[in-house]
């Protein structure tokens, strides 16, 4: 399908011009700041035009951003196309596609598991939080997994369900899901073919791992909000676009999808009298369609506490949608708020150190954490939230060296077999570089500052991820202490993950043990690293 010359969304002359209240936006911005949410940016679209958008530097509307479980809605869309084209149906049995996984002992529940069960998270397989994705056993994580209940009996949110759907599509179509979607979804929506993490065989992760820009997500949700239509053309099959966003959480022979709150075919429906559906990923990646208002809200971020993000959005919208006023002028108070949000965050600016001439070009060798290597989570420039579900884990920072110049410095380091060199600005300036870690390419924005004559702090923002790596180097003769940190803090992430453990297990002892391990290792994932200058 031919792409039109421009698929960039049209921007409205003012929020009020398309029926969005500037005061509601201002109030939401106040709520974001008051909540302390780790938010990267948001976009409000009404009647097909961008009413307002705001991003915290260095994030933007078009830069790819990890979407986590938003990926599930994309997988669901690929299934919708495949059903339309006759590759499968919702009733297709999983073992009919993967007969080699049929166990020797007859398993009625596994025999009955079908595509609908996977899409609606009713397959009955128990979540395995400790499944090691660096091993080539992703399909086994489903077929050999423990079962909590019979298929179709109840809802349980499991990533393995959606990975299996991608494996199904690859087997049936003979191509990757990303390739399959190019002429069907990416090109018609004007989205550059995105990066999507895969297993060792090249099968997309399905439930996570896709990188999209905020505007890409907006166009995707707009398409569903218009029953599969975008730019005047039917893109997603209409029947699928209608069905996928309904709640499928009712059970029993006579159950049917409805518009009540719950989970659809990889979309959520909102309750509390708000007619909306959403695609949602961890760390507050959200694409929300307000069905009665012809409006879409998109946000990207690094906020692990989803309730915090939901609150500042739904406290202000949809009530912030108003009658259109095409003659409305731009609210100057909103302009000032936008300028304030765009201010660049950086480490405290300090005086350049005389130590630079002594350490430039020298290599720092580090002693690595035996514990982290033993459990398979060596510390990386990337966050644990980024490396946890990857098929290859970066980690064990070593052979690190700085070179200092008039207005910037370079940082070289090695993680495993991968070596990277980036530029860091001084005086709060960020410089852009490309890196590759865990066999994935990233764009980083980085800056550095001397906090004390012997303490150098480095901020590295891998743009596609959910936060900032902070490395503080303390130089003491030929000894170096590297103190790592991450924003948002690892403690915040671990605390929120612990809250969700209760919903994954019914065994109280297992829940208590899992929480204990989370808190224990949460304190160990970011240890100080001792090194020496060579």
Protein backbone atom coordinates (compact mmCIF):
# COMPACT_ATOMS: atom_id res chain seq x y z
CA UNK A 1 0.00 0.00 0.00
CA UNK A 2 1.37 3.39 -1.02
CA UNK A 3 2.18 5.85 1.74
CA UNK A 4 0.87 9.39 1.32
CA UNK A 5 3.51 12.13 1.19
CA UNK A 6 3.04 13.08 4.83
CA UNK A 7 1.52 11.16 7.69
CA UNK A 8 2.59 13.63 10.38
CA UNK A 9 -0.45 14.59 12.42
CA UNK A 10 -1.79 18.10 11.91
CA UNK A 11 -1.31 20.49 14.82
CA UNK A 12 -4.22 22.69 15.94
CA UNK A 13 -3.77 26.47 16.25
CA UNK A 14 -4.70 26.23 19.94
CA UNK A 15 -6.15 23.58 22.28
CA UNK A 16 -9.53 25.34 22.35
CA UNK A 17 -9.66 25.35 18.54
CA UNK A 18 -10.35 21.59 18.66
CA UNK A 19 -12.24 21.58 21.95
CA UNK A 20 -9.57 21.02 24.62
CA UNK A 21 -9.41 23.26 27.68
CA UNK A 22 -6.06 24.98 28.31
CA UNK A 23 -7.02 25.25 31.98
CA UNK A 24 -7.51 21.47 32.15
CA UNK A 25 -4.05 20.98 30.61
CA UNK A 26 -2.52 23.44 33.09
CA UNK A 27 -4.19 21.63 35.99
CA UNK A 28 -2.90 18.29 34.72
CA UNK A 29 0.64 19.66 34.43
CA UNK A 30 0.36 20.88 38.03
CA UNK A 31 -0.81 17.41 39.06
CA UNK A 32 2.11 15.76 37.24
CA UNK A 33 4.61 17.98 39.04
CA UNK A 34 2.92 17.48 42.41
CA UNK A 35 2.87 13.70 41.98
CA UNK A 36 6.58 13.47 41.22
CA UNK A 37 5.79 11.13 38.34
CA UNK A 38 8.68 10.10 36.08
CA UNK A 39 6.91 11.31 32.93
CA UNK A 40 8.65 11.89 29.60
CA UNK A 41 5.91 13.59 27.60
CA UNK A 42 2.30 13.57 26.46
CA UNK A 43 0.12 14.37 23.45
CA UNK A 44 -3.60 15.21 23.30
CA UNK A 45 -5.41 14.71 19.98
CA UNK A 46 -8.99 15.74 19.25
CA UNK A 47 -10.89 15.53 15.97
CA UNK A 48 -7.73 14.24 14.30
CA UNK A 49 -5.51 17.19 15.27
CA UNK A 50 -2.89 17.51 17.97
CA UNK A 51 -4.37 19.95 20.48
CA UNK A 52 -1.32 20.04 22.73
CA UNK A 53 1.94 18.18 23.29
CA UNK A 54 4.82 18.53 25.68
CA UNK A 55 8.02 16.51 26.15
CA UNK A 56 10.80 16.65 28.68
CA UNK A 57 14.20 17.01 27.05
CA UNK A 58 15.66 14.93 25.45
CA UNK A 59 12.43 13.03 24.60
CA UNK A 60 10.24 14.04 21.64
CA UNK A 61 7.17 13.09 19.59
CA UNK A 62 9.06 11.05 17.02
CA UNK A 63 11.98 9.49 18.94
CA UNK A 64 11.46 5.72 19.45
CA UNK A 65 10.60 4.79 23.04
CA UNK A 66 10.24 1.37 24.63
CA UNK A 67 6.52 0.55 24.82
CA UNK A 68 6.50 -2.59 27.00
CA UNK A 69 2.97 -4.09 26.95
CA UNK A 70 1.66 -1.69 24.32
CA UNK A 71 3.37 -4.34 22.17
CA UNK A 72 0.50 -6.71 23.03
CA UNK A 73 -2.03 -4.54 21.18
CA UNK A 74 0.22 -4.57 18.12
CA UNK A 75 0.41 -8.38 18.28
CA UNK A 76 -3.37 -8.49 18.60
CA UNK A 77 -3.64 -6.34 15.47
CA UNK A 78 -1.44 -8.77 13.54
CA UNK A 79 -3.74 -11.61 14.64
CA UNK A 80 -6.72 -9.58 13.39
CA UNK A 81 -5.14 -9.30 9.95
CA UNK A 82 -4.27 -13.00 9.92
CA UNK A 83 -7.87 -13.97 10.76
CA UNK A 84 -9.19 -11.70 8.01
CA UNK A 85 -6.80 -13.36 5.55
CA UNK A 86 -7.79 -16.90 6.56
CA UNK A 87 -4.60 -18.03 8.30
CA UNK A 88 -6.47 -18.95 11.51
CA UNK A 89 -9.57 -18.27 13.63
CA UNK A 90 -10.14 -17.43 17.28
CA UNK A 91 -11.06 -21.09 17.80
CA UNK A 92 -7.82 -22.45 16.28
CA UNK A 93 -6.18 -24.79 18.78
CA UNK A 94 -2.59 -24.00 19.72
CA UNK A 95 -1.48 -27.65 19.52
CA UNK A 96 -2.80 -27.90 15.97
CA UNK A 97 -0.13 -25.34 15.02
CA UNK A 98 2.59 -26.72 17.31
CA UNK A 99 1.91 -30.49 17.37
CA UNK A 100 5.52 -31.18 18.37
CA UNK A 101 4.69 -29.79 21.84
CA UNK A 102 1.83 -32.24 22.39
CA UNK A 103 2.79 -34.11 25.59
CA UNK A 104 2.95 -37.91 25.68
CA UNK A 105 0.37 -37.90 28.46
CA UNK A 106 -2.95 -36.50 27.22
CA UNK A 107 -3.57 -32.98 28.57
CA UNK A 108 -7.17 -31.93 27.96
CA UNK A 109 -6.59 -28.34 29.08
CA UNK A 110 -3.64 -27.86 26.73
CA UNK A 111 -5.59 -29.53 23.88
CA UNK A 112 -8.45 -27.06 24.41
CA UNK A 113 -6.28 -23.91 24.54
CA UNK A 114 -7.05 -21.71 21.54
CA UNK A 115 -6.15 -18.31 20.07
CA UNK A 116 -8.94 -16.48 21.93
CA UNK A 117 -7.66 -17.82 25.25
CA UNK A 118 -4.22 -16.36 24.50
CA UNK A 119 -5.51 -12.98 23.35
CA UNK A 120 -7.86 -12.51 26.30
CA UNK A 121 -5.34 -13.80 28.87
CA UNK A 122 -7.47 -16.82 29.78
CA UNK A 123 -5.08 -19.63 28.84
CA UNK A 124 -4.56 -20.67 32.46
CA UNK A 125 -0.75 -20.86 32.41
CA UNK A 126 0.95 -19.52 35.52
CA UNK A 127 3.33 -16.55 35.26
CA UNK A 128 7.01 -17.32 35.72
CA UNK A 129 8.74 -14.13 36.84
CA UNK A 130 12.09 -15.89 37.01
CA UNK A 131 12.02 -17.33 33.47
CA UNK A 132 15.48 -16.72 31.98
CA UNK A 133 15.01 -15.16 28.56
CA UNK A 134 18.71 -15.54 27.75
CA UNK A 135 18.07 -19.25 27.23
CA UNK A 136 16.59 -20.50 23.95
CA UNK A 137 13.45 -21.92 25.57
CA UNK A 138 10.79 -19.26 25.15
CA UNK A 139 8.12 -21.60 23.76
CA UNK A 140 8.88 -24.09 26.52
CA UNK A 141 8.05 -21.37 29.06
CA UNK A 142 4.45 -21.72 27.87
CA UNK A 143 4.10 -25.39 27.00
CA UNK A 144 5.94 -26.62 30.10
CA UNK A 145 4.48 -23.98 32.42
CA UNK A 146 2.41 -24.76 35.46
CA UNK A 147 -1.33 -24.27 35.16
CA UNK A 148 -3.45 -22.19 37.54
CA UNK A 149 -6.86 -22.92 35.99
CA UNK A 150 -8.62 -24.34 32.94
CA UNK A 151 -8.58 -22.31 29.70
CA UNK A 152 -11.46 -19.83 29.61
CA UNK A 153 -12.06 -20.12 33.36
CA UNK A 154 -10.64 -16.73 34.40
CA UNK A 155 -8.29 -13.92 33.44
CA UNK A 156 -4.57 -13.86 34.30
CA UNK A 157 -2.11 -11.44 32.68
CA UNK A 158 0.76 -13.56 31.27
CA UNK A 159 3.42 -12.41 28.78
CA UNK A 160 3.98 -15.94 27.46
CA UNK A 161 0.46 -15.97 25.99
CA UNK A 162 1.30 -13.15 23.61
CA UNK A 163 4.75 -14.42 22.67
CA UNK A 164 3.06 -17.66 21.63
CA UNK A 165 0.76 -15.65 19.34
CA UNK A 166 3.80 -14.21 17.56
CA UNK A 167 5.26 -17.70 17.20
CA UNK A 168 1.92 -18.82 15.72
CA UNK A 169 1.94 -15.96 13.19
CA UNK A 170 5.55 -16.60 12.16
CA UNK A 171 4.82 -20.28 11.56
CA UNK A 172 1.62 -19.62 9.58
CA UNK A 173 2.74 -16.64 7.49
CA UNK A 174 6.36 -17.62 6.96
CA UNK A 175 7.61 -14.15 7.89
CA UNK A 176 8.32 -12.13 11.01
CA UNK A 177 5.43 -10.23 12.58
CA UNK A 178 7.24 -6.95 11.88
CA UNK A 179 7.55 -7.84 8.18
CA UNK A 180 3.95 -9.04 8.04
CA UNK A 181 2.72 -5.71 9.46
CA UNK A 182 4.79 -3.48 7.17
CA UNK A 183 2.34 -3.25 4.24
CA UNK A 184 -0.71 -3.75 6.45
CA UNK A 185 -0.06 -1.34 9.36
CA UNK A 186 3.26 0.50 9.38
CA UNK A 187 3.16 1.88 5.83
CA UNK A 188 -0.54 2.93 5.87
CA UNK A 189 -0.06 4.73 9.20
CA UNK A 190 3.20 6.34 8.07
CA UNK A 191 5.22 4.61 10.80
CA UNK A 192 8.84 3.67 10.08
CA UNK A 193 9.24 -0.08 10.58
CA UNK A 194 9.97 -0.26 14.31
CA UNK A 195 12.52 -2.27 16.24
CA UNK A 196 10.96 -5.17 18.16
CA UNK A 197 12.89 -7.45 20.50
CA UNK A 198 12.88 -11.13 19.54
CA UNK A 199 13.78 -14.54 20.88
CA UNK A 200 16.87 -16.36 19.64
CA UNK A 201 15.05 -17.54 16.50
CA UNK A 202 13.90 -14.08 15.49
CA UNK A 203 10.31 -14.39 16.76
CA UNK A 204 9.04 -11.10 18.20
CA UNK A 205 8.57 -10.99 21.98
CA UNK A 206 4.90 -10.16 21.40
CA UNK A 207 4.07 -9.01 24.91
CA UNK A 208 6.87 -6.45 25.13
CA UNK A 209 9.88 -5.07 23.29
CA UNK A 210 8.51 -2.80 20.54
CA UNK A 211 9.92 0.73 20.16
CA UNK A 212 7.50 3.41 18.93
CA UNK A 213 7.42 7.19 19.06
CA UNK A 214 4.64 9.01 20.92
CA UNK A 215 3.11 10.10 17.61
CA UNK A 216 3.32 6.53 16.27
CA UNK A 217 1.30 5.33 19.26
CA UNK A 218 -1.17 8.18 18.76
CA UNK A 219 -1.82 7.16 15.14
CA UNK A 220 -2.23 3.52 16.14
CA UNK A 221 -4.85 4.36 18.79
CA UNK A 222 -6.59 6.85 16.49
CA UNK A 223 -6.98 4.07 13.94
CA UNK A 224 -8.75 1.87 16.50
CA UNK A 225 -10.85 4.80 17.75
CA UNK A 226 -12.14 5.20 14.19
CA UNK A 227 -13.00 1.48 13.87
CA UNK A 228 -9.83 0.75 11.92
CA UNK A 229 -9.91 3.79 9.63
CA UNK A 230 -6.97 6.19 9.24
CA UNK A 231 -6.52 8.98 6.70
CA UNK A 232 -9.89 8.05 5.22
CA UNK A 233 -8.92 4.43 4.50
CA UNK A 234 -9.82 1.17 6.24
CA UNK A 235 -6.52 -0.09 7.68
CA UNK A 236 -7.33 -2.50 10.53
CA UNK A 237 -10.28 -4.81 9.66
CA UNK A 238 -13.39 -3.08 11.02
CA UNK A 239 -14.79 -6.13 12.78
CA UNK A 240 -11.48 -6.63 14.58
CA UNK A 241 -11.14 -2.96 15.53
CA UNK A 242 -14.60 -3.12 17.12
CA UNK A 243 -14.16 -6.46 18.87
CA UNK A 244 -10.62 -6.12 20.22
CA UNK A 245 -11.42 -3.08 22.40
CA UNK A 246 -14.42 -4.67 24.13
CA UNK A 247 -14.09 -6.44 27.49
CA UNK A 248 -13.77 -10.22 27.17
CA UNK A 249 -13.53 -10.92 30.89
CA UNK A 250 -17.02 -12.38 31.31
CA UNK A 251 -17.04 -16.14 31.63
CA UNK A 252 -19.45 -18.96 30.85
CA UNK A 253 -21.06 -20.40 27.74
CA UNK A 254 -23.39 -17.43 27.20
CA UNK A 255 -20.76 -14.76 27.84
CA UNK A 256 -20.11 -12.18 25.16
CA UNK A 257 -17.79 -9.16 24.93
CA UNK A 258 -19.24 -5.91 26.22
CA UNK A 259 -18.35 -2.28 26.94
CA UNK A 260 -17.87 -2.81 30.66
CA UNK A 261 -14.50 -2.36 32.42
CA UNK A 262 -11.97 -5.12 31.93
CA UNK A 263 -9.57 -6.66 29.42
CA UNK A 264 -10.28 -7.17 25.74
CA UNK A 265 -8.05 -8.66 23.09
CA UNK A 266 -4.89 -7.02 24.45
CA UNK A 267 -6.66 -3.69 25.17
CA UNK A 268 -8.05 -2.47 28.50
CA UNK A 269 -11.46 -0.90 28.98
CA UNK A 270 -11.96 1.83 31.59
CA UNK A 271 -14.81 1.83 34.09
CA UNK A 272 -16.21 4.51 36.41
CA UNK A 273 -18.57 5.82 33.74
CA UNK A 274 -15.77 6.74 31.33
CA UNK A 275 -16.27 5.29 27.85
CA UNK A 276 -12.66 4.65 26.86
CA UNK A 277 -10.20 1.93 25.96
CA UNK A 278 -6.45 1.95 26.15
CA UNK A 279 -3.25 0.18 25.21
CA UNK A 280 -0.94 0.24 28.22
CA UNK A 281 2.65 -0.69 28.92
CA UNK A 282 4.75 -0.82 32.07
CA UNK A 283 6.34 2.44 33.20
CA UNK A 284 3.28 4.40 32.02
CA UNK A 285 3.29 3.98 28.26
CA UNK A 286 -0.35 4.80 27.48
CA UNK A 287 -2.55 5.33 24.45
CA UNK A 288 -6.13 6.14 25.52
CA UNK A 289 -9.15 6.62 23.24
CA UNK A 290 -12.03 8.64 24.72
CA UNK A 291 -14.76 7.20 22.51
CA UNK A 292 -17.50 9.77 23.16
CA UNK A 293 -15.20 12.73 22.50
CA UNK A 294 -13.28 11.73 19.36
CA UNK A 295 -10.12 12.21 21.42
CA UNK A 296 -6.89 10.35 22.07
CA UNK A 297 -4.39 10.84 24.89
CA UNK A 298 -0.84 9.48 24.68
CA UNK A 299 1.90 9.54 27.29
CA UNK A 300 5.38 8.04 27.48
CA UNK A 301 7.44 7.77 30.61
CA UNK A 302 9.41 5.92 33.23
CA UNK A 303 6.78 5.91 36.02
CA UNK A 304 6.35 2.40 37.46
CA UNK A 305 3.27 3.32 39.54
CA UNK A 306 0.51 3.22 36.92
CA UNK A 307 -2.11 4.48 39.35
CA UNK A 308 -0.23 7.75 39.72
CA UNK A 309 -0.31 8.30 35.95
CA UNK A 310 -3.97 7.26 35.64
CA UNK A 311 -4.92 9.72 38.35
CA UNK A 312 -3.45 12.85 36.80
CA UNK A 313 -4.95 11.93 33.42
CA UNK A 314 -8.46 10.87 34.46
CA UNK A 315 -8.76 13.60 37.11
CA UNK A 316 -8.61 16.11 34.25
CA UNK A 317 -9.95 14.26 31.23
CA UNK A 318 -12.46 13.72 29.70
CA UNK A 319 -13.94 16.67 31.63
CA UNK A 320 -11.29 18.86 29.95
CA UNK A 321 -12.92 18.36 26.55
CA UNK A 322 -15.09 21.37 25.68
CA UNK A 323 -16.86 22.96 22.72
CA UNK A 324 -14.61 23.98 19.86
CA UNK A 325 -13.59 27.63 19.50
CA UNK A 326 -11.69 28.03 16.20
CA UNK A 327 -10.90 31.69 17.00
CA UNK A 328 -9.35 30.97 20.40
CA UNK A 329 -5.85 32.35 20.94
CA UNK A 330 -3.01 30.44 22.55
CA UNK A 331 -3.12 30.63 26.35
CA UNK A 332 0.06 32.45 27.45
CA UNK A 333 0.02 30.78 30.86
CA UNK A 334 0.14 27.44 29.05
CA UNK A 335 3.03 28.69 26.91
CA UNK A 336 5.01 29.49 30.07
CA UNK A 337 4.20 26.08 31.55
CA UNK A 338 5.43 24.46 28.33
CA UNK A 339 8.68 26.43 28.47
CA UNK A 340 9.23 25.44 32.09
CA UNK A 341 8.70 21.75 31.32
CA UNK A 342 11.22 22.01 28.47
CA UNK A 343 13.99 23.16 30.82
CA UNK A 344 16.92 20.75 30.71
CA UNK A 345 17.79 18.70 33.79
CA UNK A 346 21.51 18.11 34.36
CA UNK A 347 23.98 17.46 37.19
CA UNK A 348 25.23 20.44 39.20
CA UNK A 349 27.70 22.39 37.06
CA UNK A 350 31.19 22.36 38.56
CA UNK A 351 34.63 23.65 37.64
CA UNK A 352 36.74 21.46 35.33
CA UNK A 353 39.25 19.44 37.36
CA UNK A 354 43.04 19.42 37.12
CA UNK A 355 42.79 15.63 37.38
CA UNK A 356 41.69 15.46 33.76
CA UNK A 357 45.28 15.58 32.48
CA UNK A 358 46.27 12.73 34.81
CA UNK A 359 43.44 10.31 33.99
CA UNK A 360 42.80 11.04 30.30
CA UNK A 361 43.41 7.95 28.18
CA UNK A 362 44.04 5.66 31.16
CA UNK A 363 42.00 2.46 31.54
CA UNK A 364 39.95 1.66 34.62
CA UNK A 365 39.62 -2.05 35.41
CA UNK A 366 36.73 -3.01 37.70
CA UNK A 367 36.07 -5.90 40.04
CA UNK A 368 32.66 -7.36 39.15
CA UNK A 369 29.93 -8.50 41.51
CA UNK A 370 30.07 -12.29 41.99
CA UNK A 371 26.47 -12.32 43.22
CA UNK A 372 25.05 -10.45 40.20
CA UNK A 373 26.89 -12.71 37.78
CA UNK A 374 25.76 -15.78 39.69
CA UNK A 375 22.07 -14.84 39.35
CA UNK A 376 22.54 -13.67 35.75
CA UNK A 377 22.00 -9.91 36.19
CA UNK A 378 25.37 -8.15 35.79
CA UNK A 379 25.09 -4.37 36.09
CA UNK A 380 24.95 -2.47 32.80
CA UNK A 381 24.80 1.10 31.55
CA UNK A 382 21.21 0.05 30.77
CA UNK A 383 18.69 -0.38 33.57
CA UNK A 384 17.67 -3.79 34.88
CA UNK A 385 14.14 -3.00 33.66
CA UNK A 386 15.62 -2.84 30.14
CA UNK A 387 17.82 -5.95 30.28
CA UNK A 388 15.57 -8.23 32.36
CA UNK A 389 13.44 -9.60 29.48
CA UNK A 390 16.13 -9.50 26.78
CA UNK A 391 17.54 -12.55 25.02
CA UNK A 392 21.04 -11.18 25.58
CA UNK A 393 21.98 -9.31 28.75
CA UNK A 394 24.49 -6.53 28.69
CA UNK A 395 26.52 -6.06 31.85
CA UNK A 396 29.89 -6.06 33.66
CA UNK A 397 31.17 -2.59 32.81
CA UNK A 398 34.95 -2.75 32.35
CA UNK A 399 37.99 -1.31 30.54
CA UNK A 400 36.53 2.16 31.01
CA UNK A 401 38.45 5.27 29.99
CA UNK A 402 37.92 9.01 29.60
CA UNK A 403 39.53 11.45 27.19
CA UNK A 404 39.07 15.14 27.91
CA UNK A 405 38.87 17.96 25.36
CA UNK A 406 38.07 21.68 25.50
CA UNK A 407 34.26 21.46 25.53
CA UNK A 408 33.53 17.77 25.99
CA UNK A 409 34.94 14.42 26.94
CA UNK A 410 34.59 10.90 25.60
CA UNK A 411 33.79 7.78 27.57
CA UNK A 412 34.82 4.35 26.34
CA UNK A 413 33.79 1.11 28.05
CA UNK A 414 33.28 -2.59 27.44
CA UNK A 415 30.40 -4.85 28.43
CA UNK A 416 31.11 -8.46 27.44
CA UNK A 417 32.09 -8.49 23.77
CA UNK A 418 30.51 -5.09 23.07
CA UNK A 419 32.54 -1.90 23.13
CA UNK A 420 31.12 1.61 23.04
CA UNK A 421 32.37 5.17 22.81
CA UNK A 422 30.17 8.17 23.60
CA UNK A 423 30.63 11.93 23.85
CA UNK A 424 29.60 13.86 26.96
CA UNK A 425 29.03 17.60 27.07
CA UNK A 426 30.00 19.88 29.95
CA UNK A 427 28.15 22.90 31.38
CA UNK A 428 24.82 21.00 31.22
CA UNK A 429 25.12 20.33 27.49
CA UNK A 430 24.02 16.91 26.18
CA UNK A 431 25.78 15.29 23.24
CA UNK A 432 24.34 12.50 21.10
CA UNK A 433 26.00 9.14 20.38
CA UNK A 434 25.07 5.68 19.16
CA UNK A 435 25.75 2.56 21.22
CA UNK A 436 25.01 -1.15 21.02
CA UNK A 437 24.34 -3.21 24.14
CA UNK A 438 22.79 -6.67 24.41
CA UNK A 439 22.78 -6.72 20.58
CA UNK A 440 20.34 -3.77 20.54
CA UNK A 441 21.12 -0.32 19.15
CA UNK A 442 20.40 2.79 21.21
CA UNK A 443 20.78 6.53 20.83
CA UNK A 444 22.16 8.13 23.97
CA UNK A 445 22.25 11.73 25.14
CA UNK A 446 25.00 12.28 27.70
CA UNK A 447 26.52 14.98 29.89
CA UNK A 448 29.11 15.13 32.67
CA UNK A 449 30.16 17.46 35.49
CA UNK A 450 32.87 17.61 38.15
CA UNK A 451 31.04 17.76 41.50
CA UNK A 452 34.34 17.98 43.38
CA UNK A 453 37.96 18.12 42.19
CA UNK A 454 38.10 14.30 42.34
CA UNK A 455 34.42 13.39 41.73
CA UNK A 456 33.05 13.21 38.20
CA UNK A 457 29.34 12.53 37.62
CA UNK A 458 28.11 11.16 34.30
CA UNK A 459 24.48 11.14 33.10
CA UNK A 460 23.63 8.78 30.23
CA UNK A 461 20.13 8.75 28.74
CA UNK A 462 19.51 5.80 26.38
CA UNK A 463 16.61 7.42 24.54
CA UNK A 464 14.68 4.24 23.82
CA UNK A 465 14.56 3.22 27.49
CA UNK A 466 12.72 4.39 30.59
CA UNK A 467 15.34 6.39 32.43
CA UNK A 468 18.81 7.74 33.06
CA UNK A 469 21.93 5.90 34.10
CA UNK A 470 24.03 7.92 36.59
CA UNK A 471 27.65 6.96 37.21
CA UNK A 472 29.64 8.82 39.85
CA UNK A 473 33.43 8.31 39.74
CA UNK A 474 35.59 9.08 42.74
CA UNK A 475 39.31 9.18 41.91
CA UNK A 476 41.73 8.43 44.78
CA UNK A 477 45.23 8.09 43.38
CA UNK A 478 45.20 4.96 41.22
CA UNK A 479 42.02 3.73 42.91
CA UNK A 480 38.57 4.50 41.48
CA UNK A 481 35.17 4.02 43.09
CA UNK A 482 32.25 3.92 40.65
CA UNK A 483 28.90 4.54 42.35
CA UNK A 484 25.98 3.69 40.04
CA UNK A 485 22.44 5.01 40.30
CA UNK A 486 19.41 5.09 38.06
CA UNK A 487 16.51 7.47 37.59
CA UNK A 488 13.83 6.43 38.42
CA UNK A 489 15.51 4.78 41.42
CA UNK A 490 15.72 0.99 41.56
CA UNK A 491 14.13 1.06 45.04
CA UNK A 492 10.98 2.66 43.56
CA UNK A 493 10.79 0.00 40.86
CA UNK A 494 11.28 -2.89 43.30
CA UNK A 495 8.66 -1.55 45.73
CA UNK A 496 6.05 -1.37 42.99
CA UNK A 497 6.91 -4.81 41.61
CA UNK A 498 6.47 -6.23 45.09
CA UNK A 499 2.90 -4.88 45.21
CA UNK A 500 2.00 -6.94 42.16
CA UNK A 501 3.29 -10.26 43.48
CA UNK A 502 0.02 -10.95 45.38
CA UNK A 503 -1.93 -11.15 42.13
CA UNK A 504 0.43 -13.71 40.61
CA UNK A 505 0.31 -16.44 43.26
CA UNK A 506 -2.30 -17.83 45.62
CA UNK A 507 0.32 -19.54 47.79
CA UNK A 508 0.99 -17.13 50.68
CA UNK A 509 4.39 -18.62 51.49
CA UNK A 510 5.50 -18.28 47.87
CA UNK A 511 4.26 -14.67 47.80
CA UNK A 512 6.19 -13.84 50.99
CA UNK A 513 9.36 -15.51 49.69
CA UNK A 514 9.14 -13.74 46.32
CA UNK A 515 8.74 -10.36 48.00
CA UNK A 516 11.65 -11.07 50.33
CA UNK A 517 13.88 -11.97 47.39
CA UNK A 518 12.80 -8.86 45.47
CA UNK A 519 13.70 -6.53 48.34
CA UNK A 520 16.97 -8.37 49.01
CA UNK A 521 18.22 -8.34 45.45
CA UNK A 522 16.79 -4.86 44.86
CA UNK A 523 19.46 -3.54 47.22
CA UNK A 524 22.17 -5.56 45.48
CA UNK A 525 21.51 -4.73 41.83
CA UNK A 526 23.36 -1.38 41.92
CA UNK A 527 26.51 -2.03 44.02
CA UNK A 528 29.54 0.25 44.20
CA UNK A 529 32.30 -0.94 41.89
CA UNK A 530 35.95 -0.76 42.92
CA UNK A 531 38.48 -0.19 40.17
CA UNK A 532 42.08 0.73 39.41
CA UNK A 533 43.66 3.02 36.86
CA UNK A 534 46.06 1.17 34.57
